[in-house]
Structure formats: structure tokens, C-alpha cells
Amino acid sequence: MPYKGSNKQKDYQRKWYQRKKAGLPTRTTKLLTNEERLQRRRKSSNSSSKKIRKIRKIKIQHKFGKKCVICSDDYYLQLHRKDGTLHRSPTSMTNVQFEELINGDDYIQFCFNCHKAIHWLMKYLKMTWEEIEPKLWILEVAGVIKNKYHS
């Protein structure tokens, strides 16, 4: 019991002793079952992972912006590794890996459709990011891309 004053503490102790003497349970709070304990644990871990995802999303937006590099769309933004290798999602990375992502220049942000197109170019046309990047500039000059890619 948290300390609230000597009179309240003495009163609590007196009532506790009377319950013990009468053979009643001295516990004032209900014991949790294993299922209730698991639910509490899941709820607290879910809320902390939600906070982590929210913080990471804000950091990614600060570093990469809130729009796709190619089409300026803000629909379902995804990070793409420039060398095309597979990588983990930023939400499942460790803190060290996430800090490397934020501090490095290995990633670029695309919307879902542009990300799919970049992967198609890399997979079927066997293009590297160094070959794709100048062609994006050509599309910008031609007016196909709304966003200024090179600043």
C-alpha cells in the first residue's frame, strides 16, 4: 500500500490483521490468471511497439520526406535499397540497423507503384540503380515526372 499518512496506514494494518484473524484472505486485489497476465503483457508490448513504429516513421519522414521521389505521391511509401539487395523493414530492424539506415545514403523512398516499377527494371532489364537514376532525370526534363528529382 502506498504511504498516505500514519493514520491511514495504521487503519489499513488494523483491518489487515482483522481479516487475517478471521481467516479471510488478506489480499485486497484480485489475483490474475495466466491468461489475464498474458493479455496484459501483450497489450503493453503492443503499445510500446506502436510507439517505436511511430517514432521511426517520423524519423524516416524527416530524412526522406513525405512524398515519392519520382511521382510526388504519398500513397504507401516504401524505402528501397539503391543496390537492390533485400533488406528488413524499418519497423523490424534493431536500433543500430535503423540508425545506420537514417545516417547512410543507401536508401531512397518510393510510393508503392514506383517501387514496384524500380524492382521490375532491376529484375527483368537487369539495370542497376546507377543506370536507372539518370533516366529519371530524363523523365523529369520530359515532364513525365511531377517532382524535381535532382535538386
N, C-alpha and C. Protein backbone atom coordinates (compact mmCIF):
# COMPACT_ATOMS: atom_id res chain seq x y z
N MET A 1 0.85 -1.19 0.00
CA MET A 1 0.00 0.00 0.00
C MET A 1 0.89 1.24 0.00
N PRO A 2 0.62 2.19 -0.86
CA PRO A 2 1.42 3.40 -0.86
C PRO A 2 1.19 4.20 0.42
N TYR A 3 2.21 4.87 0.85
CA TYR A 3 2.14 5.63 2.10
C TYR A 3 1.29 6.87 1.91
N LYS A 4 0.25 7.02 2.76
CA LYS A 4 -0.64 8.17 2.64
C LYS A 4 -0.80 8.89 3.97
N GLY A 5 -0.04 8.54 4.94
CA GLY A 5 -0.16 9.17 6.25
C GLY A 5 -0.20 8.10 7.33
N SER A 6 0.25 8.44 8.51
CA SER A 6 0.36 7.44 9.58
C SER A 6 -1.02 6.92 10.02
N ASN A 7 -2.04 7.77 10.07
CA ASN A 7 -3.38 7.31 10.49
C ASN A 7 -3.97 6.32 9.49
N LYS A 8 -3.84 6.61 8.20
CA LYS A 8 -4.38 5.71 7.19
C LYS A 8 -3.62 4.39 7.20
N GLN A 9 -2.32 4.46 7.40
CA GLN A 9 -1.52 3.24 7.42
C GLN A 9 -1.90 2.36 8.62
N LYS A 10 -2.07 2.97 9.78
CA LYS A 10 -2.47 2.20 10.96
C LYS A 10 -3.85 1.58 10.76
N ASP A 11 -4.77 2.33 10.15
CA ASP A 11 -6.11 1.82 9.87
C ASP A 11 -6.04 0.61 8.93
N TYR A 12 -5.21 0.72 7.89
CA TYR A 12 -5.04 -0.38 6.94
C TYR A 12 -4.46 -1.60 7.65
N GLN A 13 -3.45 -1.41 8.49
CA GLN A 13 -2.83 -2.51 9.22
C GLN A 13 -3.84 -3.19 10.15
N ARG A 14 -4.67 -2.39 10.80
CA ARG A 14 -5.68 -2.91 11.71
C ARG A 14 -6.68 -3.79 10.94
N LYS A 15 -7.16 -3.28 9.80
CA LYS A 15 -8.11 -4.04 9.00
C LYS A 15 -7.47 -5.32 8.46
N TRP A 16 -6.20 -5.24 8.05
CA TRP A 16 -5.49 -6.40 7.54
C TRP A 16 -5.40 -7.49 8.62
N TYR A 17 -5.06 -7.06 9.83
CA TYR A 17 -4.93 -8.02 10.94
C TYR A 17 -6.28 -8.67 11.26
N GLN A 18 -7.36 -7.86 11.22
CA GLN A 18 -8.69 -8.41 11.49
C GLN A 18 -9.09 -9.44 10.42
N ARG A 19 -8.76 -9.16 9.14
CA ARG A 19 -9.06 -10.12 8.06
C ARG A 19 -8.26 -11.41 8.27
N LYS A 20 -6.99 -11.27 8.65
CA LYS A 20 -6.14 -12.45 8.87
C LYS A 20 -6.66 -13.28 10.04
N LYS A 21 -7.04 -12.60 11.12
CA LYS A 21 -7.54 -13.27 12.31
C LYS A 21 -8.84 -14.02 12.01
N ALA A 22 -9.70 -13.45 11.16
CA ALA A 22 -10.98 -14.07 10.81
C ALA A 22 -10.82 -15.18 9.77
N GLY A 23 -9.60 -15.37 9.25
CA GLY A 23 -9.36 -16.41 8.25
C GLY A 23 -9.72 -15.98 6.84
N LEU A 24 -9.98 -14.69 6.63
CA LEU A 24 -10.29 -14.17 5.31
C LEU A 24 -8.99 -13.90 4.55
N PRO A 25 -9.05 -13.85 3.24
CA PRO A 25 -7.83 -13.53 2.50
C PRO A 25 -7.37 -12.11 2.83
N THR A 26 -6.08 -11.95 3.02
CA THR A 26 -5.56 -10.63 3.38
C THR A 26 -5.27 -9.79 2.14
N ARG A 27 -5.30 -10.41 1.00
CA ARG A 27 -5.05 -9.69 -0.25
C ARG A 27 -6.27 -8.85 -0.61
N THR A 28 -6.03 -7.59 -0.95
CA THR A 28 -7.15 -6.71 -1.30
C THR A 28 -7.38 -6.65 -2.80
N THR A 29 -6.35 -7.02 -3.57
CA THR A 29 -6.53 -7.03 -5.02
C THR A 29 -6.68 -8.46 -5.51
N LYS A 30 -7.37 -8.61 -6.61
CA LYS A 30 -7.65 -9.92 -7.17
C LYS A 30 -6.39 -10.49 -7.84
N LEU A 31 -6.13 -11.77 -7.66
CA LEU A 31 -5.03 -12.42 -8.34
C LEU A 31 -5.39 -12.61 -9.81
N LEU A 32 -4.42 -12.43 -10.68
CA LEU A 32 -4.66 -12.59 -12.11
C LEU A 32 -4.41 -14.03 -12.53
N THR A 33 -5.22 -14.48 -13.49
CA THR A 33 -4.97 -15.80 -14.06
C THR A 33 -3.84 -15.68 -15.08
N ASN A 34 -3.34 -16.83 -15.54
CA ASN A 34 -2.27 -16.81 -16.53
C ASN A 34 -2.70 -16.10 -17.82
N GLU A 35 -3.94 -16.32 -18.25
CA GLU A 35 -4.44 -15.66 -19.46
C GLU A 35 -4.49 -14.15 -19.29
N GLU A 36 -4.97 -13.70 -18.14
CA GLU A 36 -5.03 -12.25 -17.88
C GLU A 36 -3.63 -11.64 -17.86
N ARG A 37 -2.67 -12.37 -17.28
CA ARG A 37 -1.29 -11.89 -17.26
C ARG A 37 -0.73 -11.76 -18.67
N LEU A 38 -1.00 -12.79 -19.50
CA LEU A 38 -0.53 -12.75 -20.89
C LEU A 38 -1.16 -11.61 -21.67
N GLN A 39 -2.46 -11.40 -21.46
CA GLN A 39 -3.14 -10.29 -22.14
C GLN A 39 -2.54 -8.95 -21.76
N ARG A 40 -2.25 -8.77 -20.48
CA ARG A 40 -1.63 -7.53 -20.02
C ARG A 40 -0.26 -7.33 -20.65
N ARG A 41 0.51 -8.41 -20.71
CA ARG A 41 1.85 -8.34 -21.27
C ARG A 41 1.80 -8.00 -22.76
N ARG A 42 0.87 -8.66 -23.48
CA ARG A 42 0.72 -8.37 -24.91
C ARG A 42 0.30 -6.93 -25.15
N LYS A 43 -0.63 -6.47 -24.34
CA LYS A 43 -1.12 -5.10 -24.50
C LYS A 43 0.00 -4.09 -24.29
N SER A 44 0.83 -4.30 -23.28
CA SER A 44 1.91 -3.36 -23.02
C SER A 44 2.98 -3.44 -24.10
N SER A 45 3.28 -4.65 -24.59
CA SER A 45 4.30 -4.77 -25.64
C SER A 45 3.79 -4.19 -26.95
N ASN A 46 2.50 -4.36 -27.25
CA ASN A 46 1.93 -3.78 -28.47
C ASN A 46 1.97 -2.26 -28.41
N SER A 47 1.66 -1.68 -27.27
CA SER A 47 1.67 -0.23 -27.18
C SER A 47 3.09 0.32 -27.31
N SER A 48 4.08 -0.40 -26.77
CA SER A 48 5.45 0.10 -26.90
C SER A 48 5.95 -0.05 -28.33
N SER A 49 5.57 -1.15 -29.03
CA SER A 49 6.00 -1.29 -30.42
C SER A 49 5.29 -0.28 -31.31
N LYS A 50 4.05 0.09 -30.98
CA LYS A 50 3.37 1.15 -31.73
C LYS A 50 4.11 2.47 -31.58
N LYS A 51 4.58 2.75 -30.37
CA LYS A 51 5.34 3.98 -30.14
C LYS A 51 6.63 3.97 -30.96
N ILE A 52 7.32 2.83 -30.97
CA ILE A 52 8.57 2.72 -31.73
C ILE A 52 8.31 2.93 -33.22
N ARG A 53 7.24 2.29 -33.75
CA ARG A 53 6.92 2.46 -35.17
C ARG A 53 6.61 3.92 -35.49
N LYS A 54 5.89 4.58 -34.60
CA LYS A 54 5.53 5.98 -34.83
C LYS A 54 6.78 6.87 -34.84
N ILE A 55 7.68 6.64 -33.89
CA ILE A 55 8.92 7.42 -33.82
C ILE A 55 9.76 7.19 -35.07
N ARG A 56 9.87 5.92 -35.49
CA ARG A 56 10.67 5.61 -36.68
C ARG A 56 10.05 6.22 -37.93
N LYS A 57 8.73 6.22 -38.02
CA LYS A 57 8.06 6.82 -39.18
C LYS A 57 8.37 8.31 -39.25
N ILE A 58 8.36 8.98 -38.11
CA ILE A 58 8.67 10.41 -38.07
C ILE A 58 10.11 10.66 -38.50
N LYS A 59 11.04 9.82 -38.02
CA LYS A 59 12.45 9.98 -38.40
C LYS A 59 12.64 9.75 -39.90
N ILE A 60 11.95 8.75 -40.45
CA ILE A 60 12.05 8.48 -41.89
C ILE A 60 11.49 9.65 -42.69
N GLN A 61 10.36 10.20 -42.24
CA GLN A 61 9.78 11.35 -42.94
C GLN A 61 10.71 12.55 -42.88
N HIS A 62 11.39 12.73 -41.76
CA HIS A 62 12.31 13.85 -41.63
C HIS A 62 13.50 13.68 -42.57
N LYS A 63 14.00 12.46 -42.72
CA LYS A 63 15.17 12.21 -43.56
C LYS A 63 14.81 12.18 -45.04
N PHE A 64 13.73 11.45 -45.41
CA PHE A 64 13.41 11.20 -46.82
C PHE A 64 12.25 12.03 -47.35
N GLY A 65 11.55 12.73 -46.50
CA GLY A 65 10.39 13.50 -46.94
C GLY A 65 9.12 12.69 -46.85
N LYS A 66 8.00 13.31 -47.25
CA LYS A 66 6.70 12.66 -47.14
C LYS A 66 6.12 12.27 -48.49
N LYS A 67 6.95 12.34 -49.55
CA LYS A 67 6.45 12.05 -50.89
C LYS A 67 7.42 11.15 -51.64
N CYS A 68 6.89 10.49 -52.66
CA CYS A 68 7.70 9.64 -53.53
C CYS A 68 8.68 10.51 -54.31
N VAL A 69 9.88 10.01 -54.50
CA VAL A 69 10.92 10.75 -55.22
C VAL A 69 10.55 10.93 -56.68
N ILE A 70 9.86 9.97 -57.26
CA ILE A 70 9.56 10.01 -58.69
C ILE A 70 8.27 10.76 -58.99
N CYS A 71 7.18 10.37 -58.37
CA CYS A 71 5.87 10.90 -58.78
C CYS A 71 5.23 11.85 -57.77
N SER A 72 5.86 12.12 -56.68
CA SER A 72 5.34 13.02 -55.62
C SER A 72 4.08 12.50 -54.96
N ASP A 73 3.79 11.21 -55.11
CA ASP A 73 2.62 10.62 -54.48
C ASP A 73 2.97 10.29 -53.03
N ASP A 74 1.99 10.32 -52.15
CA ASP A 74 2.25 9.99 -50.75
C ASP A 74 1.55 8.69 -50.34
N TYR A 75 1.14 7.89 -51.33
CA TYR A 75 0.42 6.65 -51.06
C TYR A 75 1.39 5.52 -50.73
N TYR A 76 1.29 4.95 -49.54
CA TYR A 76 2.02 3.76 -49.12
C TYR A 76 3.50 3.85 -49.48
N LEU A 77 4.18 4.77 -48.84
CA LEU A 77 5.61 4.98 -49.12
C LEU A 77 6.44 3.84 -48.59
N GLN A 78 7.47 3.46 -49.37
CA GLN A 78 8.36 2.38 -49.01
C GLN A 78 9.80 2.81 -49.26
N LEU A 79 10.69 2.29 -48.43
CA LEU A 79 12.11 2.54 -48.64
C LEU A 79 12.67 1.47 -49.56
N HIS A 80 13.54 1.89 -50.46
CA HIS A 80 14.17 0.96 -51.40
C HIS A 80 15.67 1.09 -51.28
N ARG A 81 16.34 -0.03 -51.19
CA ARG A 81 17.79 -0.01 -51.13
C ARG A 81 18.33 0.20 -52.54
N LYS A 82 19.23 1.17 -52.69
CA LYS A 82 19.69 1.55 -54.02
C LYS A 82 20.40 0.42 -54.76
N ASP A 83 21.10 -0.43 -54.04
CA ASP A 83 21.80 -1.53 -54.73
C ASP A 83 20.87 -2.70 -55.06
N GLY A 84 19.61 -2.62 -54.63
CA GLY A 84 18.62 -3.63 -54.99
C GLY A 84 18.63 -4.88 -54.13
N THR A 85 19.51 -4.96 -53.15
CA THR A 85 19.54 -6.15 -52.30
C THR A 85 18.38 -6.13 -51.33
N LEU A 86 18.01 -7.31 -50.87
CA LEU A 86 16.91 -7.41 -49.92
C LEU A 86 17.32 -6.81 -48.58
N HIS A 87 16.35 -6.28 -47.88
CA HIS A 87 16.60 -5.70 -46.56
C HIS A 87 15.36 -5.88 -45.71
N ARG A 88 15.55 -5.69 -44.42
CA ARG A 88 14.44 -5.81 -43.50
C ARG A 88 13.62 -4.52 -43.49
N SER A 89 12.39 -4.64 -43.05
CA SER A 89 11.54 -3.47 -42.90
C SER A 89 12.09 -2.59 -41.78
N PRO A 90 11.98 -1.27 -41.89
CA PRO A 90 12.50 -0.40 -40.82
C PRO A 90 11.86 -0.67 -39.46
N THR A 91 10.64 -1.18 -39.45
CA THR A 91 10.00 -1.45 -38.17
C THR A 91 10.54 -2.70 -37.50
N SER A 92 11.15 -3.61 -38.28
CA SER A 92 11.69 -4.83 -37.68
C SER A 92 13.21 -4.78 -37.49
N MET A 93 13.81 -3.66 -37.81
CA MET A 93 15.26 -3.52 -37.64
C MET A 93 15.60 -3.26 -36.18
N THR A 94 16.83 -3.60 -35.81
CA THR A 94 17.30 -3.23 -34.48
C THR A 94 17.59 -1.74 -34.48
N ASN A 95 17.79 -1.17 -33.30
CA ASN A 95 18.07 0.26 -33.22
C ASN A 95 19.35 0.63 -33.95
N VAL A 96 20.36 -0.22 -33.86
CA VAL A 96 21.63 0.06 -34.54
C VAL A 96 21.44 0.06 -36.05
N GLN A 97 20.73 -0.95 -36.57
CA GLN A 97 20.48 -1.02 -38.01
C GLN A 97 19.65 0.17 -38.47
N PHE A 98 18.67 0.58 -37.68
CA PHE A 98 17.83 1.71 -38.06
C PHE A 98 18.65 3.01 -38.09
N GLU A 99 19.54 3.19 -37.12
CA GLU A 99 20.39 4.39 -37.12
C GLU A 99 21.32 4.41 -38.33
N GLU A 100 21.82 3.24 -38.75
CA GLU A 100 22.64 3.17 -39.97
C GLU A 100 21.80 3.56 -41.18
N LEU A 101 20.54 3.13 -41.21
CA LEU A 101 19.65 3.48 -42.31
C LEU A 101 19.45 4.99 -42.37
N ILE A 102 19.21 5.61 -41.23
CA ILE A 102 18.95 7.05 -41.19
C ILE A 102 20.20 7.85 -41.54
N ASN A 103 21.36 7.38 -41.08
CA ASN A 103 22.60 8.14 -41.30
C ASN A 103 23.25 7.87 -42.65
N GLY A 104 22.90 6.78 -43.31
CA GLY A 104 23.54 6.42 -44.57
C GLY A 104 22.79 6.96 -45.78
N ASP A 105 23.37 6.73 -46.97
CA ASP A 105 22.75 7.12 -48.24
C ASP A 105 22.40 5.92 -49.09
N ASP A 106 22.11 4.79 -48.46
CA ASP A 106 21.84 3.56 -49.19
C ASP A 106 20.38 3.42 -49.61
N TYR A 107 19.49 4.22 -49.06
CA TYR A 107 18.06 4.05 -49.29
C TYR A 107 17.47 5.26 -49.98
N ILE A 108 16.33 5.01 -50.65
CA ILE A 108 15.57 6.07 -51.29
C ILE A 108 14.09 5.72 -51.11
N GLN A 109 13.21 6.69 -51.12
CA GLN A 109 11.79 6.45 -50.81
C GLN A 109 10.94 6.55 -52.06
N PHE A 110 10.12 5.52 -52.27
CA PHE A 110 9.19 5.48 -53.40
C PHE A 110 7.79 5.15 -52.90
N CYS A 111 6.80 5.51 -53.72
CA CYS A 111 5.44 5.04 -53.45
C CYS A 111 5.36 3.58 -53.89
N PHE A 112 4.26 2.93 -53.61
CA PHE A 112 4.12 1.50 -53.91
C PHE A 112 4.32 1.21 -55.39
N ASN A 113 3.68 2.00 -56.26
CA ASN A 113 3.74 1.72 -57.70
C ASN A 113 5.14 1.96 -58.27
N CYS A 114 5.78 3.05 -57.88
CA CYS A 114 7.13 3.34 -58.38
C CYS A 114 8.12 2.31 -57.84
N HIS A 115 7.95 1.89 -56.61
CA HIS A 115 8.82 0.88 -56.03
C HIS A 115 8.71 -0.43 -56.82
N LYS A 116 7.49 -0.77 -57.19
CA LYS A 116 7.26 -1.97 -57.98
C LYS A 116 7.94 -1.83 -59.36
N ALA A 117 7.84 -0.65 -59.95
CA ALA A 117 8.45 -0.41 -61.27
C ALA A 117 9.98 -0.49 -61.18
N ILE A 118 10.56 0.07 -60.14
CA ILE A 118 12.02 0.02 -59.97
C ILE A 118 12.48 -1.43 -59.84
N HIS A 119 11.75 -2.23 -59.07
CA HIS A 119 12.11 -3.63 -58.93
C HIS A 119 11.96 -4.37 -60.26
N TRP A 120 10.96 -4.01 -61.05
CA TRP A 120 10.78 -4.63 -62.35
C TRP A 120 11.98 -4.31 -63.25
N LEU A 121 12.39 -3.04 -63.25
CA LEU A 121 13.56 -2.65 -64.05
C LEU A 121 14.81 -3.42 -63.62
N MET A 122 14.99 -3.56 -62.32
CA MET A 122 16.18 -4.24 -61.81
C MET A 122 16.13 -5.75 -62.10
N LYS A 123 14.93 -6.33 -62.03
CA LYS A 123 14.83 -7.78 -62.19
C LYS A 123 14.86 -8.21 -63.65
N TYR A 124 14.02 -7.59 -64.48
CA TYR A 124 13.87 -8.06 -65.86
C TYR A 124 14.81 -7.38 -66.85
N LEU A 125 15.12 -6.13 -66.63
CA LEU A 125 16.04 -5.45 -67.54
C LEU A 125 17.47 -5.44 -67.01
N LYS A 126 17.66 -6.03 -65.84
CA LYS A 126 18.99 -6.16 -65.21
C LYS A 126 19.70 -4.82 -65.08
N MET A 127 18.94 -3.78 -64.75
CA MET A 127 19.52 -2.44 -64.58
C MET A 127 19.92 -2.25 -63.12
N THR A 128 20.95 -1.47 -62.91
CA THR A 128 21.38 -1.11 -61.56
C THR A 128 20.84 0.27 -61.24
N TRP A 129 20.94 0.67 -59.99
CA TRP A 129 20.45 1.99 -59.61
C TRP A 129 21.22 3.09 -60.34
N GLU A 130 22.52 2.87 -60.57
CA GLU A 130 23.33 3.87 -61.28
C GLU A 130 22.85 4.06 -62.72
N GLU A 131 22.25 3.03 -63.32
CA GLU A 131 21.70 3.15 -64.67
C GLU A 131 20.29 3.75 -64.66
N ILE A 132 19.53 3.48 -63.62
CA ILE A 132 18.15 3.98 -63.54
C ILE A 132 18.12 5.47 -63.21
N GLU A 133 19.00 5.90 -62.32
CA GLU A 133 18.97 7.28 -61.83
C GLU A 133 19.06 8.33 -62.94
N PRO A 134 19.98 8.24 -63.93
CA PRO A 134 20.00 9.24 -65.00
C PRO A 134 18.73 9.25 -65.84
N LYS A 135 18.11 8.09 -66.00
CA LYS A 135 16.87 8.03 -66.80
C LYS A 135 15.72 8.74 -66.08
N LEU A 136 15.75 8.76 -64.75
CA LEU A 136 14.75 9.52 -64.01
C LEU A 136 14.89 11.01 -64.31
N TRP A 137 16.10 11.47 -64.45
CA TRP A 137 16.35 12.87 -64.77
C TRP A 137 15.81 13.20 -66.15
N ILE A 138 15.94 12.26 -67.11
CA ILE A 138 15.40 12.46 -68.45
C ILE A 138 13.88 12.55 -68.39
N LEU A 139 13.25 11.70 -67.60
CA LEU A 139 11.79 11.76 -67.45
C LEU A 139 11.35 13.08 -66.83
N GLU A 140 12.16 13.61 -65.93
CA GLU A 140 11.83 14.90 -65.31
C GLU A 140 11.87 16.01 -66.35
N VAL A 141 12.89 16.02 -67.19
CA VAL A 141 13.03 17.04 -68.23
C VAL A 141 11.88 16.93 -69.23
N ALA A 142 11.48 15.70 -69.53
CA ALA A 142 10.39 15.48 -70.48
C ALA A 142 9.03 15.85 -69.91
N GLY A 143 8.96 16.06 -68.60
CA GLY A 143 7.71 16.45 -67.97
C GLY A 143 6.86 15.27 -67.51
N VAL A 144 7.39 14.07 -67.60
CA VAL A 144 6.65 12.89 -67.16
C VAL A 144 6.59 12.85 -65.63
N ILE A 145 7.67 13.28 -65.00
CA ILE A 145 7.73 13.28 -63.53
C ILE A 145 7.35 14.66 -63.03
N LYS A 146 6.45 14.69 -62.04
CA LYS A 146 5.99 15.96 -61.47
C LYS A 146 7.03 16.56 -60.53
N ASN A 147 7.72 15.69 -59.82
CA ASN A 147 8.65 16.13 -58.78
C ASN A 147 10.03 16.39 -59.36
N LYS A 148 10.74 17.37 -58.82
CA LYS A 148 12.12 17.58 -59.22
C LYS A 148 12.95 16.53 -58.53
N TYR A 149 13.56 15.65 -59.31
CA TYR A 149 14.36 14.58 -58.70
C TYR A 149 15.71 15.11 -58.28
N HIS A 150 16.39 15.79 -59.15
CA HIS A 150 17.69 16.37 -58.82
C HIS A 150 17.47 17.79 -58.32
N SER A 151 18.07 18.09 -57.19
CA SER A 151 17.91 19.46 -56.68
C SER A 151 19.19 20.24 -56.81
